[in-house]
C-alpha atoms as a PDB file:
ATOM      1  CA  UNK A   1     -11.467 113.527  76.542  1.00  0.00           C
ATOM      2  CA  UNK A   2     -11.449 115.807  73.571  1.00  0.00           C
ATOM      3  CA  UNK A   3     -11.736 115.586  69.784  1.00  0.00           C
ATOM      4  CA  UNK A   4      -8.077 114.805  69.411  1.00  0.00           C
ATOM      5  CA  UNK A   5      -8.893 111.480  70.692  1.00  0.00           C
ATOM      6  CA  UNK A   6     -10.968 110.612  67.689  1.00  0.00           C
ATOM      7  CA  UNK A   7      -7.703 110.841  65.524  1.00  0.00           C
ATOM      8  CA  UNK A   8      -5.886 108.724  67.957  1.00  0.00           C
ATOM      9  CA  UNK A   9      -8.647 106.168  67.841  1.00  0.00           C
ATOM     10  CA  UNK A  10      -8.393 105.968  64.107  1.00  0.00           C
ATOM     11  CA  UNK A  11      -4.780 105.152  64.272  1.00  0.00           C
ATOM     12  CA  UNK A  12      -5.419 102.584  67.088  1.00  0.00           C
ATOM     13  CA  UNK A  13      -7.981 100.805  64.854  1.00  0.00           C
ATOM     14  CA  UNK A  14      -5.824 100.858  61.822  1.00  0.00           C
ATOM     15  CA  UNK A  15      -3.042  99.048  63.676  1.00  0.00           C
ATOM     16  CA  UNK A  16      -5.476  96.626  65.127  1.00  0.00           C
ATOM     17  CA  UNK A  17      -7.080  95.664  61.793  1.00  0.00           C
ATOM     18  CA  UNK A  18      -3.559  95.162  60.080  1.00  0.00           C
ATOM     19  CA  UNK A  19      -2.711  92.879  62.999  1.00  0.00           C
ATOM     20  CA  UNK A  20      -5.984  90.851  62.918  1.00  0.00           C
ATOM     21  CA  UNK A  21      -7.470  90.696  59.586  1.00  0.00           C
ATOM     22  CA  UNK A  22      -5.233  87.929  58.441  1.00  0.00           C
ATOM     23  CA  UNK A  23      -6.467  85.719  61.223  1.00  0.00           C
ATOM     24  CA  UNK A  24      -9.455  83.381  60.628  1.00  0.00           C
ATOM     25  CA  UNK A  25     -11.976  83.030  61.971  1.00  0.00           C
ATOM     26  CA  UNK A  26     -11.551  85.220  64.915  1.00  0.00           C
ATOM     27  CA  UNK A  27      -9.460  87.788  63.332  1.00  0.00           C
ATOM     28  CA  UNK A  28     -12.078  88.321  60.606  1.00  0.00           C
ATOM     29  CA  UNK A  29     -14.782  88.895  63.241  1.00  0.00           C
ATOM     30  CA  UNK A  30     -12.861  91.537  65.332  1.00  0.00           C
ATOM     31  CA  UNK A  31     -11.715  93.373  62.216  1.00  0.00           C
ATOM     32  CA  UNK A  32     -15.397  93.722  61.294  1.00  0.00           C
ATOM     33  CA  UNK A  33     -16.130  95.230  64.598  1.00  0.00           C
ATOM     34  CA  UNK A  34     -13.052  97.592  64.457  1.00  0.00           C
ATOM     35  CA  UNK A  35     -14.375  98.823  61.031  1.00  0.00           C
ATOM     36  CA  UNK A  36     -17.838  99.391  62.489  1.00  0.00           C
ATOM     37  CA  UNK A  37     -16.310 101.424  65.369  1.00  0.00           C
ATOM     38  CA  UNK A  38     -14.277 103.497  62.937  1.00  0.00           C
ATOM     39  CA  UNK A  39     -17.306 104.220  60.917  1.00  0.00           C
ATOM     40  CA  UNK A  40     -19.306 105.235  63.973  1.00  0.00           C
ATOM     41  CA  UNK A  41     -16.474 107.569  65.290  1.00  0.00           C
ATOM     42  CA  UNK A  42     -16.227 109.200  61.924  1.00  0.00           C
ATOM     43  CA  UNK A  43     -19.983 109.835  61.699  1.00  0.00           C
ATOM     44  CA  UNK A  44     -20.511 110.817  65.239  1.00  0.00           C
ATOM     45  CA  UNK A  45     -19.217 114.010  66.966  1.00  0.00           C
ATOM     46  CA  UNK A  46     -17.960 113.306  70.513  1.00  0.00           C
ATOM     47  CA  UNK A  47     -18.616 109.510  70.123  1.00  0.00           C
ATOM     48  CA  UNK A  48     -17.766 108.828  73.541  1.00  0.00           C
ATOM     49  CA  UNK A  49     -21.101 110.507  74.518  1.00  0.00           C
ATOM     50  CA  UNK A  50     -24.553 109.063  73.994  1.00  0.00           C
ATOM     51  CA  UNK A  51     -25.424 109.663  70.274  1.00  0.00           C
ATOM     52  CA  UNK A  52     -29.177 110.246  70.112  1.00  0.00           C
ATOM     53  CA  UNK A  53     -31.269 109.033  67.144  1.00  0.00           C
ATOM     54  CA  UNK A  54     -33.871 111.648  65.865  1.00  0.00           C
ATOM     55  CA  UNK A  55     -37.498 110.663  67.014  1.00  0.00           C
ATOM     56  CA  UNK A  56     -39.546 108.721  64.525  1.00  0.00           C
ATOM     57  CA  UNK A  57     -43.221 107.908  64.351  1.00  0.00           C
ATOM     58  CA  UNK A  58     -44.249 104.757  66.080  1.00  0.00           C
ATOM     59  CA  UNK A  59     -40.804 104.100  67.493  1.00  0.00           C
ATOM     60  CA  UNK A  60     -39.649 104.399  71.131  1.00  0.00           C
ATOM     61  CA  UNK A  61     -37.032 106.891  72.023  1.00  0.00           C
ATOM     62  CA  UNK A  62     -33.507 105.263  71.644  1.00  0.00           C
ATOM     63  CA  UNK A  63     -29.825 106.262  71.229  1.00  0.00           C
ATOM     64  CA  UNK A  64     -27.422 104.878  68.667  1.00  0.00           C
ATOM     65  CA  UNK A  65     -24.897 104.258  71.234  1.00  0.00           C
ATOM     66  CA  UNK A  66     -21.342 105.326  72.258  1.00  0.00           C
ATOM     67  CA  UNK A  67     -17.735 104.184  72.472  1.00  0.00           C
ATOM     68  CA  UNK A  68     -16.847 102.493  75.777  1.00  0.00           C
ATOM     69  CA  UNK A  69     -13.574 101.433  77.299  1.00  0.00           C
ATOM     70  CA  UNK A  70     -12.841  97.904  78.790  1.00  0.00           C
ATOM     71  CA  UNK A  71      -9.985  95.901  79.922  1.00  0.00           C
ATOM     72  CA  UNK A  72      -8.735  92.342  79.802  1.00  0.00           C
ATOM     73  CA  UNK A  73      -6.919  92.027  83.151  1.00  0.00           C
ATOM     74  CA  UNK A  74      -4.469  89.174  83.779  1.00  0.00           C
ATOM     75  CA  UNK A  75      -2.643  88.228  86.924  1.00  0.00           C
ATOM     76  CA  UNK A  76       1.058  88.511  87.115  1.00  0.00           C
ATOM     77  CA  UNK A  77       1.573  84.760  86.022  1.00  0.00           C
ATOM     78  CA  UNK A  78      -0.941  85.471  83.059  1.00  0.00           C
ATOM     79  CA  UNK A  79      -2.914  82.230  83.922  1.00  0.00           C
ATOM     80  CA  UNK A  80      -6.085  84.026  85.220  1.00  0.00           C
ATOM     81  CA  UNK A  81      -8.355  86.962  84.144  1.00  0.00           C
ATOM     82  CA  UNK A  82     -10.315  89.233  86.335  1.00  0.00           C
ATOM     83  CA  UNK A  83     -14.081  89.366  85.556  1.00  0.00           C
ATOM     84  CA  UNK A  84     -16.927  91.122  87.142  1.00  0.00           C
ATOM     85  CA  UNK A  85     -20.421  90.065  87.396  1.00  0.00           C
ATOM     86  CA  UNK A  86     -22.403  92.741  85.776  1.00  0.00           C
ATOM     87  CA  UNK A  87     -25.216  94.033  87.851  1.00  0.00           C
ATOM     88  CA  UNK A  88     -27.445  95.159  84.817  1.00  0.00           C
ATOM     89  CA  UNK A  89     -26.691  92.357  82.389  1.00  0.00           C
ATOM     90  CA  UNK A  90     -26.193  89.679  85.023  1.00  0.00           C
ATOM     91  CA  UNK A  91     -23.176  88.190  83.205  1.00  0.00           C
ATOM     92  CA  UNK A  92     -19.472  87.713  84.006  1.00  0.00           C
ATOM     93  CA  UNK A  93     -17.698  90.292  81.783  1.00  0.00           C
ATOM     94  CA  UNK A  94     -14.342  92.023  81.606  1.00  0.00           C
ATOM     95  CA  UNK A  95     -14.107  95.283  83.655  1.00  0.00           C
ATOM     96  CA  UNK A  96     -15.215  98.313  81.536  1.00  0.00           C
ATOM     97  CA  UNK A  97     -17.821 101.047  80.986  1.00  0.00           C
ATOM     98  CA  UNK A  98     -18.497 104.630  79.883  1.00  0.00           C
ATOM     99  CA  UNK A  99     -15.875 107.144  79.000  1.00  0.00           C
ATOM    100  CA  UNK A 100     -15.836 110.220  81.047  1.00  0.00           C
ATOM    101  CA  UNK A 101     -15.038 113.673  80.116  1.00  0.00           C
ATOM    102  CA  UNK A 102     -12.160 113.726  82.564  1.00  0.00           C
ATOM    103  CA  UNK A 103     -10.427 110.765  80.840  1.00  0.00           C
ATOM    104  CA  UNK A 104      -7.279 111.854  79.050  1.00  0.00           C
ATOM    105  CA  UNK A 105      -7.422 109.056  76.455  1.00  0.00           C
ATOM    106  CA  UNK A 106      -9.196 105.696  75.693  1.00  0.00           C
ATOM    107  CA  UNK A 107      -6.363 103.926  77.528  1.00  0.00           C
ATOM    108  CA  UNK A 108      -6.832 106.165  80.751  1.00  0.00           C
ATOM    109  CA  UNK A 109     -10.560 105.325  80.566  1.00  0.00           C
ATOM    110  CA  UNK A 110      -9.713 101.615  80.532  1.00  0.00           C
ATOM    111  CA  UNK A 111      -7.380 101.836  83.470  1.00  0.00           C
ATOM    112  CA  UNK A 112      -9.932 103.854  85.504  1.00  0.00           C
ATOM    113  CA  UNK A 113     -12.538 101.286  84.994  1.00  0.00           C
ATOM    114  CA  UNK A 114     -10.312  98.510  86.094  1.00  0.00           C
ATOM    115  CA  UNK A 115      -9.502 100.435  89.373  1.00  0.00           C
ATOM    116  CA  UNK A 116     -13.115 101.301  90.112  1.00  0.00           C
ATOM    117  CA  UNK A 117     -14.594  97.758  89.345  1.00  0.00           C
ATOM    118  CA  UNK A 118     -11.919  95.467  90.728  1.00  0.00           C
ATOM    119  CA  UNK A 119      -9.881  97.586  93.308  1.00  0.00           C
ATOM    120  CA  UNK A 120      -6.578  96.605  91.439  1.00  0.00           C
ATOM    121  CA  UNK A 121      -4.304  99.587  91.338  1.00  0.00           C
ATOM    122  CA  UNK A 122      -0.873  98.257  90.365  1.00  0.00           C
ATOM    123  CA  UNK A 123      -1.390  97.828  86.691  1.00  0.00           C
ATOM    124  CA  UNK A 124       1.048  97.632  83.762  1.00  0.00           C
ATOM    125  CA  UNK A 125       0.849  97.409  80.156  1.00  0.00           C
ATOM    126  CA  UNK A 126       2.137  94.080  78.472  1.00  0.00           C
ATOM    127  CA  UNK A 127       5.240  94.208  76.342  1.00  0.00           C
ATOM    128  CA  UNK A 128       3.416  92.450  73.516  1.00  0.00           C
ATOM    129  CA  UNK A 129       0.548  95.044  73.262  1.00  0.00           C
ATOM    130  CA  UNK A 130       1.620  98.073  75.026  1.00  0.00           C
ATOM    131  CA  UNK A 131      -0.979 100.879  74.562  1.00  0.00           C
ATOM    132  CA  UNK A 132      -2.330  99.229  71.453  1.00  0.00           C
ATOM    133  CA  UNK A 133      -5.795  97.796  71.410  1.00  0.00           C
ATOM    134  CA  UNK A 134      -6.103  94.078  72.621  1.00  0.00           C
ATOM    135  CA  UNK A 135      -9.625  93.405  71.425  1.00  0.00           C
ATOM    136  CA  UNK A 136     -12.669  95.340  70.205  1.00  0.00           C
ATOM    137  CA  UNK A 137     -16.279  94.492  70.227  1.00  0.00           C
ATOM    138  CA  UNK A 138     -19.762  95.870  69.065  1.00  0.00           C
ATOM    139  CA  UNK A 139     -22.687  94.668  70.963  1.00  0.00           C
ATOM    140  CA  UNK A 140     -26.193  95.739  71.868  1.00  0.00           C
ATOM    141  CA  UNK A 141     -27.355  96.816  75.282  1.00  0.00           C
ATOM    142  CA  UNK A 142     -31.017  96.016  76.158  1.00  0.00           C
ATOM    143  CA  UNK A 143     -33.373  98.724  77.414  1.00  0.00           C
ATOM    144  CA  UNK A 144     -33.338  99.488  81.056  1.00  0.00           C
ATOM    145  CA  UNK A 145     -36.739 100.012  82.840  1.00  0.00           C
ATOM    146  CA  UNK A 146     -36.622 102.873  85.418  1.00  0.00           C
ATOM    147  CA  UNK A 147     -36.432 101.705  89.174  1.00  0.00           C
ATOM    148  CA  UNK A 148     -36.436 103.780  92.388  1.00  0.00           C
ATOM    149  CA  UNK A 149     -32.646 103.899  92.244  1.00  0.00           C
ATOM    150  CA  UNK A 150     -31.894 103.879  88.506  1.00  0.00           C
ATOM    151  CA  UNK A 151     -33.214 105.989  85.646  1.00  0.00           C
ATOM    152  CA  UNK A 152     -34.691 104.433  82.508  1.00  0.00           C
ATOM    153  CA  UNK A 153     -32.243 103.951  79.511  1.00  0.00           C
ATOM    154  CA  UNK A 154     -33.305 102.978  75.917  1.00  0.00           C
ATOM    155  CA  UNK A 155     -31.620 100.093  74.118  1.00  0.00           C
ATOM    156  CA  UNK A 156     -28.293 101.151  72.457  1.00  0.00           C
ATOM    157  CA  UNK A 157     -25.071  99.959  71.141  1.00  0.00           C
ATOM    158  CA  UNK A 158     -21.678  99.791  72.858  1.00  0.00           C
ATOM    159  CA  UNK A 159     -18.626 100.177  70.488  1.00  0.00           C
ATOM    160  CA  UNK A 160     -16.107  98.680  72.964  1.00  0.00           C
ATOM    161  CA  UNK A 161     -12.315  99.268  73.042  1.00  0.00           C
ATOM    162  CA  UNK A 162     -10.328  96.715  75.054  1.00  0.00           C
ATOM    163  CA  UNK A 163      -6.824  97.081  76.419  1.00  0.00           C
ATOM    164  CA  UNK A 164      -4.568  94.556  78.131  1.00  0.00           C
ATOM    165  CA  UNK A 165      -3.429  95.139  81.627  1.00  0.00           C
ATOM    166  CA  UNK A 166      -1.209  92.930  83.860  1.00  0.00           C
ATOM    167  CA  UNK A 167      -2.052  93.279  87.595  1.00  0.00           C
ATOM    168  CA  UNK A 168       0.900  93.314  90.082  1.00  0.00           C
ATOM    169  CA  UNK A 169       1.073  90.514  92.661  1.00  0.00           C
ATOM    170  CA  UNK A 170       0.009  90.752  96.184  1.00  0.00           C
ATOM    171  CA  UNK A 171      -3.321  92.621  95.457  1.00  0.00           C
ATOM    172  CA  UNK A 172      -6.709  91.634  96.380  1.00  0.00           C
ATOM    173  CA  UNK A 173      -9.851  92.174  94.319  1.00  0.00           C
ATOM    174  CA  UNK A 174     -12.380  94.587  95.854  1.00  0.00           C
ATOM    175  CA  UNK A 175     -16.147  94.417  94.895  1.00  0.00           C
ATOM    176  CA  UNK A 176     -17.777  97.616  93.815  1.00  0.00           C
ATOM    177  CA  UNK A 177     -21.333  97.042  95.000  1.00  0.00           C
ATOM    178  CA  UNK A 178     -22.725  99.923  92.870  1.00  0.00           C
ATOM    179  CA  UNK A 179     -21.401  98.305  89.631  1.00  0.00           C
ATOM    180  CA  UNK A 180     -21.177  94.548  90.083  1.00  0.00           C
ATOM    181  CA  UNK A 181     -22.562  91.610  91.805  1.00  0.00           C
ATOM    182  CA  UNK A 182     -19.182  89.951  92.150  1.00  0.00           C
ATOM    183  CA  UNK A 183     -15.572  90.137  91.078  1.00  0.00           C
ATOM    184  CA  UNK A 184     -13.218  87.117  90.762  1.00  0.00           C
ATOM    185  CA  UNK A 185     -10.148  85.541  89.094  1.00  0.00           C
ATOM    186  CA  UNK A 186     -10.916  82.775  86.641  1.00  0.00           C
ATOM    187  CA  UNK A 187      -8.467  80.523  84.857  1.00  0.00           C
ATOM    188  CA  UNK A 188      -8.013  81.293  81.231  1.00  0.00           C
ATOM    189  CA  UNK A 189      -8.422  77.724  79.961  1.00  0.00           C
ATOM    190  CA  UNK A 190     -11.751  77.490  81.861  1.00  0.00           C
ATOM    191  CA  UNK A 191     -12.970  80.747  80.432  1.00  0.00           C
ATOM    192  CA  UNK A 192     -12.016  79.811  76.871  1.00  0.00           C
ATOM    193  CA  UNK A 193     -14.112  76.469  77.095  1.00  0.00           C
ATOM    194  CA  UNK A 194     -17.061  77.791  78.903  1.00  0.00           C
ATOM    195  CA  UNK A 195     -19.902  78.121  76.454  1.00  0.00           C
ATOM    196  CA  UNK A 196     -22.136  79.890  79.001  1.00  0.00           C
ATOM    197  CA  UNK A 197     -19.839  82.932  78.793  1.00  0.00           C
ATOM    198  CA  UNK A 198     -20.303  85.854  76.390  1.00  0.00           C
ATOM    199  CA  UNK A 199     -18.458  84.986  73.029  1.00  0.00           C
ATOM    200  CA  UNK A 200     -16.010  87.859  73.236  1.00  0.00           C
ATOM    201  CA  UNK A 201     -14.809  86.848  76.739  1.00  0.00           C
ATOM    202  CA  UNK A 202     -14.035  83.333  75.414  1.00  0.00           C
ATOM    203  CA  UNK A 203     -12.190  84.825  72.570  1.00  0.00           C
ATOM    204  CA  UNK A 204     -10.068  87.018  74.686  1.00  0.00           C
ATOM    205  CA  UNK A 205      -9.198  84.075  76.878  1.00  0.00           C
ATOM    206  CA  UNK A 206      -7.895  82.154  73.788  1.00  0.00           C
ATOM    207  CA  UNK A 207      -5.525  84.955  72.883  1.00  0.00           C
ATOM    208  CA  UNK A 208      -1.856  84.041  73.524  1.00  0.00           C
ATOM    209  CA  UNK A 209      -0.198  86.725  75.634  1.00  0.00           C
END
């Protein structure tokens, strides 16, 4: 990952906004998220790293956040999506996480996260979206208290980039116990109608691909 990826991100976001801003209501919401991500990237050197906020009186140490890379993974028939049961947040979410210095691009970070969290390796881009963004989201991550196995982490914001991947057939999901409590295929129609799920997961399940 290098500074050149910030320019690439700006182009990805411009294309994304052009495609979504005419859509109401979901398109308006995700366009707003895209603009927030663009603003954060412009104001923050190396925005994939944790951007720390200067200490202030009477305020706990915290970080502004960082850009993350996620994936919406569909089976070959495009009827089911692969979700992981996030260990920290205790929710079913799309695979994704922090961008690493070794990632050559935002897309590469997304693919790596899928492989690490689901065990799926035969992955292709969809003809409809290709290497363009499928979805974006901005959301707050709660503070994490230190435990014997994990360090403390202040509350912060994830500026999440999401790409669409199609998994090849004849592959089995594999749980990464360090990252998740579960990994499973879910029918898209069930995800779209499940009010217990995070809103952006339901949103992605409603997209036609």
